[in-house]
Amino acid sequence: MSAQAEAEQELNAMLDEGVTAQLVDVDAGVYELRLAMDESACADCLVPDPTLVSIATDALQRRGVPVASMSVLRPAAHA
């Protein structure tokens, strides 16, 4: 398993049920943290974006993956 996949797995383990995260390397060291939520997920229950970025960045860096920047992409609100 790659370091990125391990970090993604670690992040998903701490998220609420119904929420999944995908770490996408869009450029050298530039990541998007893409969140997906099923209908049972509580969008208001997620920790703030800066906290998610900090956790994901730390998970990658502890595995030797350089991170220059990271943004969070949340799905549109449920109708």
C-alpha atoms as a PDB file:
ATOM      1  CA  MET A   1       0.000   0.000   0.000  1.00  0.00           C
ATOM      2  CA  SER A   2       1.339   3.432  -0.921  1.00  0.00           C
ATOM      3  CA  ALA A   3       1.999   6.123   1.666  1.00  0.00           C
ATOM      4  CA  GLN A   4      -0.817   8.173   0.156  1.00  0.00           C
ATOM      5  CA  ALA A   5      -3.254   5.243   0.438  1.00  0.00           C
ATOM      6  CA  GLU A   6      -2.192   4.644   4.059  1.00  0.00           C
ATOM      7  CA  ALA A   7      -2.767   8.315   4.916  1.00  0.00           C
ATOM      8  CA  GLU A   8      -6.164   8.204   3.203  1.00  0.00           C
ATOM      9  CA  GLN A   9      -7.101   5.077   5.163  1.00  0.00           C
ATOM     10  CA  GLU A  10      -6.040   6.744   8.431  1.00  0.00           C
ATOM     11  CA  LEU A  11      -8.133   9.808   7.638  1.00  0.00           C
ATOM     12  CA  ASN A  12     -11.206   7.765   6.689  1.00  0.00           C
ATOM     13  CA  ALA A  13     -10.983   5.818   9.953  1.00  0.00           C
ATOM     14  CA  MET A  14     -11.501   9.025  11.952  1.00  0.00           C
ATOM     15  CA  LEU A  15     -14.391  10.415   9.889  1.00  0.00           C
ATOM     16  CA  ASP A  16     -18.050   9.926  10.772  1.00  0.00           C
ATOM     17  CA  GLU A  17     -19.983   7.069   9.223  1.00  0.00           C
ATOM     18  CA  GLY A  18     -21.181   7.988   5.758  1.00  0.00           C
ATOM     19  CA  VAL A  19     -18.245  10.303   5.056  1.00  0.00           C
ATOM     20  CA  THR A  20     -15.259   9.272   2.955  1.00  0.00           C
ATOM     21  CA  ALA A  21     -12.156  11.175   1.968  1.00  0.00           C
ATOM     22  CA  GLN A  22      -9.938  10.801  -1.058  1.00  0.00           C
ATOM     23  CA  LEU A  23      -6.492  12.383  -1.258  1.00  0.00           C
ATOM     24  CA  VAL A  24      -5.724  13.417  -4.832  1.00  0.00           C
ATOM     25  CA  ASP A  25      -2.222  14.546  -5.829  1.00  0.00           C
ATOM     26  CA  VAL A  26      -3.065  17.164  -8.469  1.00  0.00           C
ATOM     27  CA  ASP A  27       0.515  18.404  -8.879  1.00  0.00           C
ATOM     28  CA  ALA A  28       3.830  17.749  -7.166  1.00  0.00           C
ATOM     29  CA  GLY A  29       2.996  18.208  -3.487  1.00  0.00           C
ATOM     30  CA  VAL A  30      -0.354  19.872  -4.188  1.00  0.00           C
ATOM     31  CA  TYR A  31      -3.294  17.866  -2.883  1.00  0.00           C
ATOM     32  CA  GLU A  32      -7.056  18.004  -2.935  1.00  0.00           C
ATOM     33  CA  LEU A  33      -8.907  16.363  -0.079  1.00  0.00           C
ATOM     34  CA  ARG A  34     -12.161  15.319  -1.726  1.00  0.00           C
ATOM     35  CA  LEU A  35     -14.990  14.516   0.647  1.00  0.00           C
ATOM     36  CA  ALA A  36     -17.993  12.390  -0.252  1.00  0.00           C
ATOM     37  CA  MET A  37     -21.064  11.987   1.928  1.00  0.00           C
ATOM     38  CA  ASP A  38     -23.924   9.571   1.650  1.00  0.00           C
ATOM     39  CA  GLU A  39     -27.433  10.609   2.654  1.00  0.00           C
ATOM     40  CA  SER A  40     -26.969   9.467   6.264  1.00  0.00           C
ATOM     41  CA  ALA A  41     -23.918  11.688   6.792  1.00  0.00           C
ATOM     42  CA  CYS A  42     -24.093  14.866   8.841  1.00  0.00           C
ATOM     43  CA  ALA A  43     -22.412  17.631   6.826  1.00  0.00           C
ATOM     44  CA  ASP A  44     -22.556  20.003   9.804  1.00  0.00           C
ATOM     45  CA  CYS A  45     -20.783  17.427  12.002  1.00  0.00           C
ATOM     46  CA  LEU A  46     -17.520  17.504  10.024  1.00  0.00           C
ATOM     47  CA  VAL A  47     -14.561  19.241  11.570  1.00  0.00           C
ATOM     48  CA  PRO A  48     -13.590  22.558   9.930  1.00  0.00           C
ATOM     49  CA  ASP A  49     -11.517  22.499   6.742  1.00  0.00           C
ATOM     50  CA  PRO A  50      -8.317  23.806   8.409  1.00  0.00           C
ATOM     51  CA  THR A  51      -8.459  20.910  10.881  1.00  0.00           C
ATOM     52  CA  LEU A  52      -9.007  18.359   8.099  1.00  0.00           C
ATOM     53  CA  VAL A  53      -6.084  19.835   6.159  1.00  0.00           C
ATOM     54  CA  SER A  54      -3.860  19.671   9.235  1.00  0.00           C
ATOM     55  CA  ILE A  55      -4.743  16.032   9.934  1.00  0.00           C
ATOM     56  CA  ALA A  56      -4.318  14.949   6.304  1.00  0.00           C
ATOM     57  CA  THR A  57      -1.070  16.881   5.865  1.00  0.00           C
ATOM     58  CA  ASP A  58       0.346  15.349   9.042  1.00  0.00           C
ATOM     59  CA  ALA A  59      -0.687  11.838   7.936  1.00  0.00           C
ATOM     60  CA  LEU A  60       1.133  12.291   4.620  1.00  0.00           C
ATOM     61  CA  GLN A  61       4.231  13.954   6.066  1.00  0.00           C
ATOM     62  CA  ARG A  62       4.685  11.264   8.719  1.00  0.00           C
ATOM     63  CA  ARG A  63       4.980   8.842   5.809  1.00  0.00           C
ATOM     64  CA  GLY A  64       7.608  10.967   4.066  1.00  0.00           C
ATOM     65  CA  VAL A  65       5.269  12.530   1.504  1.00  0.00           C
ATOM     66  CA  PRO A  66       5.968  16.232   0.889  1.00  0.00           C
ATOM     67  CA  VAL A  67       2.922  18.504   0.967  1.00  0.00           C
ATOM     68  CA  ALA A  68       3.172  22.026  -0.449  1.00  0.00           C
ATOM     69  CA  SER A  69      -0.537  22.818  -0.179  1.00  0.00           C
ATOM     70  CA  MET A  70      -3.913  21.173   0.278  1.00  0.00           C
ATOM     71  CA  SER A  71      -7.483  22.244  -0.365  1.00  0.00           C
ATOM     72  CA  VAL A  72     -10.744  20.624   0.700  1.00  0.00           C
ATOM     73  CA  LEU A  73     -13.506  19.906  -1.783  1.00  0.00           C
ATOM     74  CA  ARG A  74     -16.850  19.279  -0.118  1.00  0.00           C
ATOM     75  CA  PRO A  75     -19.904  18.014  -1.983  1.00  0.00           C
ATOM     76  CA  ALA A  76     -22.832  20.334  -2.575  1.00  0.00           C
ATOM     77  CA  ALA A  77     -25.342  20.360   0.279  1.00  0.00           C
ATOM     78  CA  HIS A  78     -28.014  17.673   0.216  1.00  0.00           C
ATOM     79  CA  ALA A  79     -31.279  18.850  -1.292  1.00  0.00           C
END
